[in-house]
C-alpha atoms as a PDB file:
ATOM      1  CA  MET A   1       4.498   7.006 -17.760  1.00  0.00           C
ATOM      2  CA  ARG A   2       6.983   6.631 -14.769  1.00  0.00           C
ATOM      3  CA  SER A   3       7.407   4.513 -12.146  1.00  0.00           C
ATOM      4  CA  LEU A   4       6.874   5.872  -8.589  1.00  0.00           C
ATOM      5  CA  ASP A   5      10.318   4.111  -8.068  1.00  0.00           C
ATOM      6  CA  SER A   6      11.807   6.342 -10.739  1.00  0.00           C
ATOM      7  CA  LEU A   7      10.032  10.294  -9.217  1.00  0.00           C
ATOM      8  CA  ILE A   8      11.240   8.966  -5.544  1.00  0.00           C
ATOM      9  CA  THR A   9      14.600   8.757  -6.617  1.00  0.00           C
ATOM     10  CA  GLU A  10      15.230  11.474  -8.930  1.00  0.00           C
ATOM     11  CA  LEU A  11      13.694  13.635  -6.390  1.00  0.00           C
ATOM     12  CA  LYS A  12      15.999  12.043  -3.810  1.00  0.00           C
ATOM     13  CA  ILE A  13      12.993  11.593  -1.415  1.00  0.00           C
ATOM     14  CA  SER A  14      14.194   9.879   1.664  1.00  0.00           C
ATOM     15  CA  HIS A  15      10.869   9.866   3.790  1.00  0.00           C
ATOM     16  CA  ILE A  16       7.094   8.704   3.048  1.00  0.00           C
ATOM     17  CA  ASP A  17       4.610   8.173   5.420  1.00  0.00           C
ATOM     18  CA  VAL A  18       1.883   6.877   3.422  1.00  0.00           C
ATOM     19  CA  ILE A  19       1.239   6.012  -0.198  1.00  0.00           C
ATOM     20  CA  LYS A  20      -2.498   5.927  -1.770  1.00  0.00           C
ATOM     21  CA  ILE A  21      -3.442   4.489  -4.722  1.00  0.00           C
ATOM     22  CA  ASP A  22      -6.483   4.701  -6.424  1.00  0.00           C
ATOM     23  CA  ALA A  23      -6.414   3.965 -10.019  1.00  0.00           C
ATOM     24  CA  GLU A  24      -9.070   2.154 -11.374  1.00  0.00           C
ATOM     25  CA  GLY A  25      -7.663  -1.242 -12.293  1.00  0.00           C
ATOM     26  CA  ALA A  26      -4.020  -0.326 -12.443  1.00  0.00           C
ATOM     27  CA  GLU A  27      -3.228  -0.774  -8.702  1.00  0.00           C
ATOM     28  CA  VAL A  28      -0.720  -3.971  -9.133  1.00  0.00           C
ATOM     29  CA  GLN A  29       1.146  -2.097 -11.878  1.00  0.00           C
ATOM     30  CA  ILE A  30       1.335   1.118  -9.508  1.00  0.00           C
ATOM     31  CA  LEU A  31       2.850  -1.199  -6.890  1.00  0.00           C
ATOM     32  CA  LYS A  32       4.808  -3.035  -8.880  1.00  0.00           C
ATOM     33  CA  GLY A  33       6.471   0.411 -10.327  1.00  0.00           C
ATOM     34  CA  ALA A  34       6.813   1.607  -6.589  1.00  0.00           C
ATOM     35  CA  ILE A  35       8.413  -2.054  -4.973  1.00  0.00           C
ATOM     36  CA  ASN A  36      11.885  -0.418  -4.218  1.00  0.00           C
ATOM     37  CA  THR A  37      10.336   2.745  -2.322  1.00  0.00           C
ATOM     38  CA  ILE A  38       8.329   0.183  -0.546  1.00  0.00           C
ATOM     39  CA  VAL A  39      10.710  -1.990   0.707  1.00  0.00           C
ATOM     40  CA  ARG A  40      13.560   0.897   1.190  1.00  0.00           C
ATOM     41  CA  LEU A  41      11.153   3.240   3.082  1.00  0.00           C
ATOM     42  CA  LYS A  42       8.187   0.707   4.657  1.00  0.00           C
ATOM     43  CA  PRO A  43       5.157   3.459   4.144  1.00  0.00           C
ATOM     44  CA  TYR A  44       1.810   2.504   5.142  1.00  0.00           C
ATOM     45  CA  ILE A  45      -0.176   2.161   2.002  1.00  0.00           C
ATOM     46  CA  ILE A  46      -3.822   2.385   1.350  1.00  0.00           C
ATOM     47  CA  VAL A  47      -5.156   1.004  -2.001  1.00  0.00           C
ATOM     48  CA  GLU A  48      -8.361   0.544  -4.091  1.00  0.00           C
ATOM     49  CA  VAL A  49      -8.481  -3.021  -5.351  1.00  0.00           C
ATOM     50  CA  ARG A  50     -10.508  -4.263  -7.981  1.00  0.00           C
ATOM     51  CA  HIS A  51     -11.713  -7.623  -7.492  1.00  0.00           C
ATOM     52  CA  SER A  52     -10.392  -8.647 -10.792  1.00  0.00           C
ATOM     53  CA  ASN A  53      -6.893  -7.742  -9.456  1.00  0.00           C
ATOM     54  CA  LEU A  54      -7.416  -9.230  -5.770  1.00  0.00           C
ATOM     55  CA  ASN A  55      -5.142 -12.470  -6.264  1.00  0.00           C
ATOM     56  CA  GLU A  56      -2.095 -10.992  -8.032  1.00  0.00           C
ATOM     57  CA  PHE A  57      -2.599  -8.226  -5.141  1.00  0.00           C
ATOM     58  CA  LYS A  58      -2.566 -10.281  -2.203  1.00  0.00           C
ATOM     59  CA  GLU A  59       0.303 -12.268  -3.809  1.00  0.00           C
ATOM     60  CA  LEU A  60       2.571  -9.201  -4.160  1.00  0.00           C
ATOM     61  CA  ILE A  61       2.175  -7.318  -1.205  1.00  0.00           C
ATOM     62  CA  LYS A  62       2.788 -10.919   0.884  1.00  0.00           C
ATOM     63  CA  GLY A  63       5.780 -11.023  -1.032  1.00  0.00           C
ATOM     64  CA  LEU A  64       6.899  -7.367   0.337  1.00  0.00           C
ATOM     65  CA  ARG A  65       5.835  -8.350   3.291  1.00  0.00           C
ATOM     66  CA  TYR A  66       2.798  -6.570   4.606  1.00  0.00           C
ATOM     67  CA  SER A  67       0.150  -7.544   6.256  1.00  0.00           C
ATOM     68  CA  CYS A  68      -3.281  -5.584   5.117  1.00  0.00           C
ATOM     69  CA  GLU A  69      -7.149  -5.157   6.319  1.00  0.00           C
ATOM     70  CA  ILE A  70     -10.152  -4.302   4.504  1.00  0.00           C
ATOM     71  CA  LEU A  71     -11.444  -0.444   5.443  1.00  0.00           C
ATOM     72  CA  LEU A  72     -14.480  -0.657   3.044  1.00  0.00           C
ATOM     73  CA  HIS A  73     -16.296  -3.561   0.876  1.00  0.00           C
ATOM     74  CA  GLY A  74     -17.208  -2.321  -2.173  1.00  0.00           C
ATOM     75  CA  LEU A  75     -19.277  -3.706  -4.912  1.00  0.00           C
ATOM     76  CA  SER A  76     -16.410  -4.092  -7.486  1.00  0.00           C
ATOM     77  CA  ASP A  77     -13.293  -3.551  -5.713  1.00  0.00           C
ATOM     78  CA  ASN A  78     -11.968  -3.208  -1.694  1.00  0.00           C
ATOM     79  CA  VAL A  79     -10.400  -0.783   0.038  1.00  0.00           C
ATOM     80  CA  PHE A  80      -7.288  -1.864   1.958  1.00  0.00           C
ATOM     81  CA  LEU A  81      -4.735  -0.561   4.467  1.00  0.00           C
ATOM     82  CA  CYS A  82      -1.656  -2.025   4.562  1.00  0.00           C
ATOM     83  CA  LEU A  83       1.157  -2.135   6.941  1.00  0.00           C
ATOM     84  CA  PRO A  84       4.484  -3.821   6.983  1.00  0.00           C
ATOM     85  CA  GLN A  85       4.215  -7.009   9.003  1.00  0.00           C
ATOM     86  CA  ASP A  86       6.924  -5.543  11.744  1.00  0.00           C
ATOM     87  CA  VAL A  87       4.430  -2.567  12.445  1.00  0.00           C
ATOM     88  CA  SER A  88       1.310  -4.542  12.214  1.00  0.00           C
ATOM     89  CA  LYS A  89       2.771  -7.192  14.687  1.00  0.00           C
ATOM     90  CA  GLN A  90       3.215  -3.911  17.184  1.00  0.00           C
ATOM     91  CA  ARG A  91       0.210  -1.955  17.089  1.00  0.00           C
ATOM     92  CA  SER A  92      -2.785  -2.841  19.302  1.00  0.00           C
ATOM     93  CA  ASN A  93      -5.386  -0.405  17.022  1.00  0.00           C
ATOM     94  CA  ILE A  94      -5.303   2.794  14.691  1.00  0.00           C
ATOM     95  CA  ASN A  95      -7.471   5.289  14.609  1.00  0.00           C
ATOM     96  CA  TYR A  96      -8.548   6.020  11.238  1.00  0.00           C
ATOM     97  CA  GLU A  97      -9.897   9.266  11.274  1.00  0.00           C
ATOM     98  CA  GLU A  98      -6.756  10.347  13.252  1.00  0.00           C
ATOM     99  CA  GLY A  99      -4.600   8.441  11.347  1.00  0.00           C
ATOM    100  CA  VAL A 100      -2.734   7.448  14.705  1.00  0.00           C
ATOM    101  CA  HIS A 101      -1.365   4.672  16.891  1.00  0.00           C
ATOM    102  CA  VAL A 102      -3.809   4.672  20.013  1.00  0.00           C
END
């Protein structure tokens, strides 16, 4: 399996707006494989996190200097919108249907 970092480097991608992850419990591993991309490009991240992975996810996302909001509570997982802390401090509100600042 390839990491997102290796794919982004190989394809010479220099801009990413959003990363969406729904990986049935592998979300933390995917994020770990995307750390360089996340630090360098600072995309918004929409991620479904299993309750069993929540503590590890919170530690990882905090270390990346991201802030998250819960978009959806589920029985076995939650969906989060995570933004770089500098962006989350500047925004007043997000229109989640449009995906733009309002």
